[in-house]
Each structure stands twice: as structure tokens, then as C-alpha cells.
Amino acid sequence: MLIKDGANIRGLNWRMRKAIKAADTIWRGFGRELVITSGLDGEHGPLSLHYFGCAVDLRSRYFRQGEARKAAEELQRALGHDYDVVVEPTHIHVEYDPDVARWP
């Protein structure tokens, strides 16, 4: 796993470790090295979970056509419903965002 120069993962919520570990395993299965391109850094929407340490962006540009979507689907299955995995045009966004409506 690599961290892009300038990307800040210090202060990530501990739940993001599960996402990073799972992504690393899945990316290796595609013959790619996981690169975290953003954590608590960068510019995101005003309510972005990046600012709370509950989101990371992962490099996807080195995937062949269709592979990024497949990797994202595998990651979503591995993480379950408390995480959201979104394929963006320039990266794959992963966030810990449990649906509080399911809480007792």
C-alpha cells in the first residue's frame, strides 16, 4: 500500500482500517498496488466524511476498462452495509457511513 504525496491519513477513524485492508487485498487480486490519494486532506463537499476521518479516496486510473467497477463491487461486498463505495471518474471513494435508521 502506498500513500500519495500530500495525502493525509493521520486521524482517520479506526473503522477505515477495515476498508483499507480489504481494498489492499482486492487491489492485489487485480495485480495493482493500492494507493490512497486522499484522506483528511483535499477539497471535498461541505459535509464530506473526509473531514471527519471517515472517508478515503483510492487510485483507480490504472485499472483496465471495467476493472474499477468490479473492484469497487468486491470491496462493497467485503465491507457490508455500513460502508459506501462509489466509483468516481478519477478515483474510488470509500466512506464509513452507517445507516442510523437500522440502529435499535
N, C-alpha and C. Protein backbone atom coordinates (compact mmCIF):
# COMPACT_ATOMS: atom_id res chain seq x y z
N MET A 1 0.84 -1.17 0.00
CA MET A 1 0.00 0.00 0.00
C MET A 1 0.89 1.24 0.00
N LEU A 2 0.48 2.21 -0.79
CA LEU A 2 1.18 3.49 -0.84
C LEU A 2 0.22 4.62 -0.49
N ILE A 3 0.80 5.72 -0.04
CA ILE A 3 0.03 6.93 0.23
C ILE A 3 0.60 8.01 -0.67
N LYS A 4 -0.25 8.59 -1.49
CA LYS A 4 0.17 9.63 -2.42
C LYS A 4 0.78 10.80 -1.64
N ASP A 5 1.83 11.40 -2.20
CA ASP A 5 2.42 12.58 -1.58
C ASP A 5 1.33 13.63 -1.34
N GLY A 6 1.27 14.14 -0.14
CA GLY A 6 0.29 15.16 0.21
C GLY A 6 -1.00 14.61 0.79
N ALA A 7 -1.25 13.31 0.62
CA ALA A 7 -2.45 12.71 1.20
C ALA A 7 -2.23 12.54 2.71
N ASN A 8 -3.24 12.85 3.48
CA ASN A 8 -3.14 12.79 4.93
C ASN A 8 -4.11 11.74 5.47
N ILE A 9 -3.55 10.68 6.07
CA ILE A 9 -4.42 9.68 6.68
C ILE A 9 -4.28 9.70 8.20
N ARG A 10 -3.51 10.64 8.73
CA ARG A 10 -3.41 10.76 10.19
C ARG A 10 -4.73 11.26 10.73
N GLY A 11 -5.25 10.56 11.71
CA GLY A 11 -6.52 10.95 12.29
C GLY A 11 -7.73 10.27 11.67
N LEU A 12 -7.49 9.30 10.75
CA LEU A 12 -8.62 8.55 10.21
C LEU A 12 -9.33 7.80 11.32
N ASN A 13 -10.62 7.71 11.21
CA ASN A 13 -11.41 6.91 12.13
C ASN A 13 -10.91 5.47 12.05
N TRP A 14 -10.84 4.78 13.17
CA TRP A 14 -10.32 3.42 13.20
C TRP A 14 -11.10 2.46 12.29
N ARG A 15 -12.35 2.78 12.00
CA ARG A 15 -13.15 1.91 11.15
C ARG A 15 -12.65 1.90 9.70
N MET A 16 -11.88 2.90 9.33
CA MET A 16 -11.36 2.96 7.96
C MET A 16 -10.23 1.96 7.75
N ARG A 17 -9.66 1.45 8.83
CA ARG A 17 -8.62 0.41 8.69
C ARG A 17 -9.18 -0.81 7.98
N LYS A 18 -10.41 -1.19 8.33
CA LYS A 18 -11.06 -2.34 7.68
C LYS A 18 -11.16 -2.09 6.17
N ALA A 19 -11.55 -0.89 5.79
CA ALA A 19 -11.71 -0.56 4.37
C ALA A 19 -10.38 -0.60 3.64
N ILE A 20 -9.36 -0.04 4.25
CA ILE A 20 -8.04 -0.01 3.61
C ILE A 20 -7.46 -1.41 3.48
N LYS A 21 -7.60 -2.21 4.52
CA LYS A 21 -7.08 -3.58 4.47
C LYS A 21 -7.80 -4.40 3.40
N ALA A 22 -9.12 -4.28 3.35
CA ALA A 22 -9.89 -5.03 2.34
C ALA A 22 -9.53 -4.55 0.94
N ALA A 23 -9.42 -3.24 0.75
CA ALA A 23 -9.07 -2.70 -0.57
C ALA A 23 -7.69 -3.18 -0.99
N ASP A 24 -6.74 -3.20 -0.08
CA ASP A 24 -5.39 -3.66 -0.40
C ASP A 24 -5.42 -5.10 -0.93
N THR A 25 -6.18 -5.96 -0.27
CA THR A 25 -6.29 -7.36 -0.70
C THR A 25 -6.95 -7.45 -2.08
N ILE A 26 -8.01 -6.70 -2.29
CA ILE A 26 -8.73 -6.73 -3.56
C ILE A 26 -7.89 -6.17 -4.69
N TRP A 27 -7.23 -5.04 -4.44
CA TRP A 27 -6.38 -4.44 -5.48
C TRP A 27 -5.27 -5.41 -5.88
N ARG A 28 -4.67 -6.10 -4.91
CA ARG A 28 -3.62 -7.08 -5.22
C ARG A 28 -4.16 -8.20 -6.11
N GLY A 29 -5.41 -8.58 -5.87
CA GLY A 29 -6.04 -9.59 -6.71
C GLY A 29 -6.17 -9.16 -8.17
N PHE A 30 -6.20 -7.85 -8.40
CA PHE A 30 -6.24 -7.30 -9.75
C PHE A 30 -4.83 -6.97 -10.25
N GLY A 31 -3.82 -7.32 -9.46
CA GLY A 31 -2.44 -7.05 -9.86
C GLY A 31 -2.04 -5.60 -9.72
N ARG A 32 -2.69 -4.87 -8.82
CA ARG A 32 -2.43 -3.44 -8.62
C ARG A 32 -2.03 -3.19 -7.18
N GLU A 33 -1.22 -2.17 -6.98
CA GLU A 33 -0.88 -1.76 -5.63
C GLU A 33 -1.85 -0.66 -5.20
N LEU A 34 -2.41 -0.80 -4.03
CA LEU A 34 -3.34 0.18 -3.51
C LEU A 34 -2.61 1.49 -3.26
N VAL A 35 -3.20 2.60 -3.74
CA VAL A 35 -2.68 3.94 -3.48
C VAL A 35 -3.82 4.78 -2.91
N ILE A 36 -3.61 5.27 -1.69
CA ILE A 36 -4.57 6.19 -1.09
C ILE A 36 -4.23 7.58 -1.60
N THR A 37 -5.18 8.22 -2.27
CA THR A 37 -4.92 9.52 -2.86
C THR A 37 -5.45 10.68 -2.01
N SER A 38 -6.35 10.38 -1.06
CA SER A 38 -6.87 11.43 -0.19
C SER A 38 -7.47 10.80 1.06
N GLY A 39 -7.28 11.49 2.17
CA GLY A 39 -7.88 11.10 3.44
C GLY A 39 -8.55 12.33 4.03
N LEU A 40 -7.88 12.93 5.01
CA LEU A 40 -8.40 14.14 5.63
C LEU A 40 -7.98 15.41 4.89
N ASP A 41 -7.30 15.28 3.80
CA ASP A 41 -6.80 16.40 3.02
C ASP A 41 -7.71 16.67 1.82
N GLY A 42 -7.37 17.67 1.06
CA GLY A 42 -8.07 17.94 -0.20
C GLY A 42 -9.34 18.74 -0.01
N GLU A 43 -9.96 19.03 -1.13
CA GLU A 43 -11.21 19.77 -1.13
C GLU A 43 -12.35 18.83 -1.48
N HIS A 44 -13.35 18.82 -0.64
CA HIS A 44 -14.49 17.93 -0.81
C HIS A 44 -15.75 18.74 -0.52
N GLY A 45 -16.89 18.12 -0.69
CA GLY A 45 -18.16 18.80 -0.39
C GLY A 45 -18.19 19.25 1.07
N PRO A 46 -19.01 20.25 1.38
CA PRO A 46 -19.02 20.82 2.73
C PRO A 46 -19.36 19.83 3.85
N LEU A 47 -20.12 18.80 3.56
CA LEU A 47 -20.47 17.81 4.59
C LEU A 47 -19.75 16.48 4.38
N SER A 48 -18.66 16.52 3.63
CA SER A 48 -17.92 15.30 3.30
C SER A 48 -17.42 14.60 4.55
N LEU A 49 -17.50 13.29 4.54
CA LEU A 49 -16.97 12.50 5.65
C LEU A 49 -15.45 12.48 5.68
N HIS A 50 -14.80 12.97 4.62
CA HIS A 50 -13.34 13.12 4.64
C HIS A 50 -12.93 13.98 5.84
N TYR A 51 -13.66 15.04 6.09
CA TYR A 51 -13.30 15.99 7.14
C TYR A 51 -13.48 15.41 8.54
N PHE A 52 -14.17 14.29 8.64
CA PHE A 52 -14.39 13.63 9.93
C PHE A 52 -13.54 12.37 10.06
N GLY A 53 -12.67 12.14 9.08
CA GLY A 53 -11.80 10.97 9.14
C GLY A 53 -12.50 9.67 8.78
N CYS A 54 -13.64 9.76 8.12
CA CYS A 54 -14.43 8.57 7.79
C CYS A 54 -14.50 8.30 6.30
N ALA A 55 -13.53 8.81 5.53
CA ALA A 55 -13.53 8.56 4.09
C ALA A 55 -12.12 8.61 3.53
N VAL A 56 -11.89 7.81 2.51
CA VAL A 56 -10.64 7.84 1.75
C VAL A 56 -10.96 7.74 0.27
N ASP A 57 -10.05 8.25 -0.54
CA ASP A 57 -10.12 8.07 -1.99
C ASP A 57 -8.98 7.17 -2.40
N LEU A 58 -9.27 6.25 -3.31
CA LEU A 58 -8.32 5.26 -3.75
C LEU A 58 -8.07 5.37 -5.24
N ARG A 59 -6.83 5.21 -5.65
CA ARG A 59 -6.49 5.32 -7.07
C ARG A 59 -7.21 4.26 -7.88
N SER A 60 -7.69 4.67 -9.04
CA SER A 60 -8.37 3.72 -9.94
C SER A 60 -7.88 3.84 -11.38
N ARG A 61 -7.06 4.84 -11.69
CA ARG A 61 -6.69 5.11 -13.08
C ARG A 61 -5.91 3.98 -13.75
N TYR A 62 -5.29 3.11 -12.96
CA TYR A 62 -4.50 2.04 -13.55
C TYR A 62 -5.31 0.77 -13.84
N PHE A 63 -6.58 0.76 -13.50
CA PHE A 63 -7.43 -0.39 -13.82
C PHE A 63 -7.79 -0.38 -15.30
N ARG A 64 -7.90 -1.55 -15.87
CA ARG A 64 -8.39 -1.66 -17.25
C ARG A 64 -9.90 -1.41 -17.25
N GLN A 65 -10.44 -1.23 -18.42
CA GLN A 65 -11.86 -0.92 -18.55
C GLN A 65 -12.71 -1.98 -17.83
N GLY A 66 -13.58 -1.52 -16.98
CA GLY A 66 -14.48 -2.41 -16.24
C GLY A 66 -13.91 -2.91 -14.92
N GLU A 67 -12.59 -2.87 -14.76
CA GLU A 67 -11.99 -3.41 -13.53
C GLU A 67 -12.28 -2.55 -12.30
N ALA A 68 -12.31 -1.24 -12.46
CA ALA A 68 -12.57 -0.37 -11.31
C ALA A 68 -13.94 -0.69 -10.73
N ARG A 69 -14.93 -0.84 -11.58
CA ARG A 69 -16.27 -1.16 -11.10
C ARG A 69 -16.27 -2.53 -10.40
N LYS A 70 -15.58 -3.50 -10.98
CA LYS A 70 -15.52 -4.84 -10.36
C LYS A 70 -14.82 -4.77 -9.00
N ALA A 71 -13.72 -4.03 -8.94
CA ALA A 71 -13.00 -3.90 -7.66
C ALA A 71 -13.89 -3.23 -6.62
N ALA A 72 -14.61 -2.19 -7.03
CA ALA A 72 -15.50 -1.48 -6.11
C ALA A 72 -16.62 -2.39 -5.62
N GLU A 73 -17.17 -3.20 -6.51
CA GLU A 73 -18.23 -4.13 -6.12
C GLU A 73 -17.71 -5.15 -5.12
N GLU A 74 -16.51 -5.67 -5.35
CA GLU A 74 -15.91 -6.62 -4.41
C GLU A 74 -15.68 -5.96 -3.05
N LEU A 75 -15.21 -4.72 -3.09
CA LEU A 75 -14.95 -4.01 -1.85
C LEU A 75 -16.25 -3.76 -1.08
N GLN A 76 -17.30 -3.38 -1.78
CA GLN A 76 -18.60 -3.15 -1.13
C GLN A 76 -19.09 -4.43 -0.46
N ARG A 77 -18.97 -5.57 -1.15
CA ARG A 77 -19.39 -6.85 -0.56
C ARG A 77 -18.56 -7.17 0.68
N ALA A 78 -17.26 -6.91 0.62
CA ALA A 78 -16.38 -7.22 1.75
C ALA A 78 -16.67 -6.33 2.96
N LEU A 79 -17.07 -5.09 2.72
CA LEU A 79 -17.26 -4.14 3.83
C LEU A 79 -18.67 -4.17 4.42
N GLY A 80 -19.65 -4.50 3.62
CA GLY A 80 -21.02 -4.55 4.13
C GLY A 80 -21.72 -3.21 4.09
N HIS A 81 -22.92 -3.18 4.67
CA HIS A 81 -23.83 -2.04 4.52
C HIS A 81 -23.44 -0.79 5.29
N ASP A 82 -22.49 -0.87 6.22
CA ASP A 82 -22.09 0.32 6.96
C ASP A 82 -21.11 1.21 6.19
N TYR A 83 -20.67 0.73 5.04
CA TYR A 83 -19.73 1.48 4.21
C TYR A 83 -20.36 1.74 2.84
N ASP A 84 -19.95 2.84 2.24
CA ASP A 84 -20.35 3.17 0.88
C ASP A 84 -19.11 3.19 0.01
N VAL A 85 -19.18 2.54 -1.13
CA VAL A 85 -18.08 2.51 -2.10
C VAL A 85 -18.63 3.08 -3.40
N VAL A 86 -18.02 4.16 -3.87
CA VAL A 86 -18.53 4.87 -5.03
C VAL A 86 -17.42 5.04 -6.07
N VAL A 87 -17.70 4.60 -7.29
CA VAL A 87 -16.75 4.79 -8.38
C VAL A 87 -16.96 6.20 -8.94
N GLU A 88 -15.95 7.03 -8.78
CA GLU A 88 -15.95 8.39 -9.31
C GLU A 88 -15.13 8.39 -10.60
N PRO A 89 -15.22 9.45 -11.41
CA PRO A 89 -14.44 9.47 -12.65
C PRO A 89 -12.93 9.37 -12.45
N THR A 90 -12.41 9.88 -11.31
CA THR A 90 -10.96 9.90 -11.11
C THR A 90 -10.46 9.00 -9.98
N HIS A 91 -11.35 8.37 -9.24
CA HIS A 91 -10.94 7.57 -8.08
C HIS A 91 -12.12 6.74 -7.58
N ILE A 92 -11.85 5.90 -6.59
CA ILE A 92 -12.90 5.17 -5.89
C ILE A 92 -12.98 5.75 -4.48
N HIS A 93 -14.15 6.23 -4.12
CA HIS A 93 -14.38 6.84 -2.82
C HIS A 93 -14.97 5.79 -1.89
N VAL A 94 -14.42 5.71 -0.68
CA VAL A 94 -14.91 4.76 0.33
C VAL A 94 -15.17 5.52 1.62
N GLU A 95 -16.35 5.32 2.20
CA GLU A 95 -16.66 6.01 3.44
C GLU A 95 -17.39 5.09 4.41
N TYR A 96 -17.13 5.33 5.68
CA TYR A 96 -17.88 4.66 6.73
C TYR A 96 -19.08 5.55 7.04
N ASP A 97 -20.26 5.03 6.74
CA ASP A 97 -21.48 5.83 6.88
C ASP A 97 -22.65 4.91 7.22
N PRO A 98 -22.70 4.45 8.48
CA PRO A 98 -23.77 3.53 8.85
C PRO A 98 -25.13 4.19 8.76
N ASP A 99 -26.10 3.42 8.37
CA ASP A 99 -27.48 3.89 8.26
C ASP A 99 -28.10 3.86 9.65
N VAL A 100 -28.22 5.03 10.25
CA VAL A 100 -28.71 5.07 11.63
C VAL A 100 -30.16 4.60 11.74
N ALA A 101 -30.87 4.55 10.64
CA ALA A 101 -32.26 4.04 10.68
C ALA A 101 -32.29 2.57 11.07
N ARG A 102 -31.18 1.86 10.88
CA ARG A 102 -31.13 0.44 11.25
C ARG A 102 -30.78 0.24 12.71
N TRP A 103 -30.36 1.28 13.38
CA TRP A 103 -29.97 1.13 14.78
C TRP A 103 -31.23 0.91 15.63
N PRO A 104 -31.09 0.07 16.65
CA PRO A 104 -32.26 -0.18 17.53
C PRO A 104 -32.64 1.04 18.33
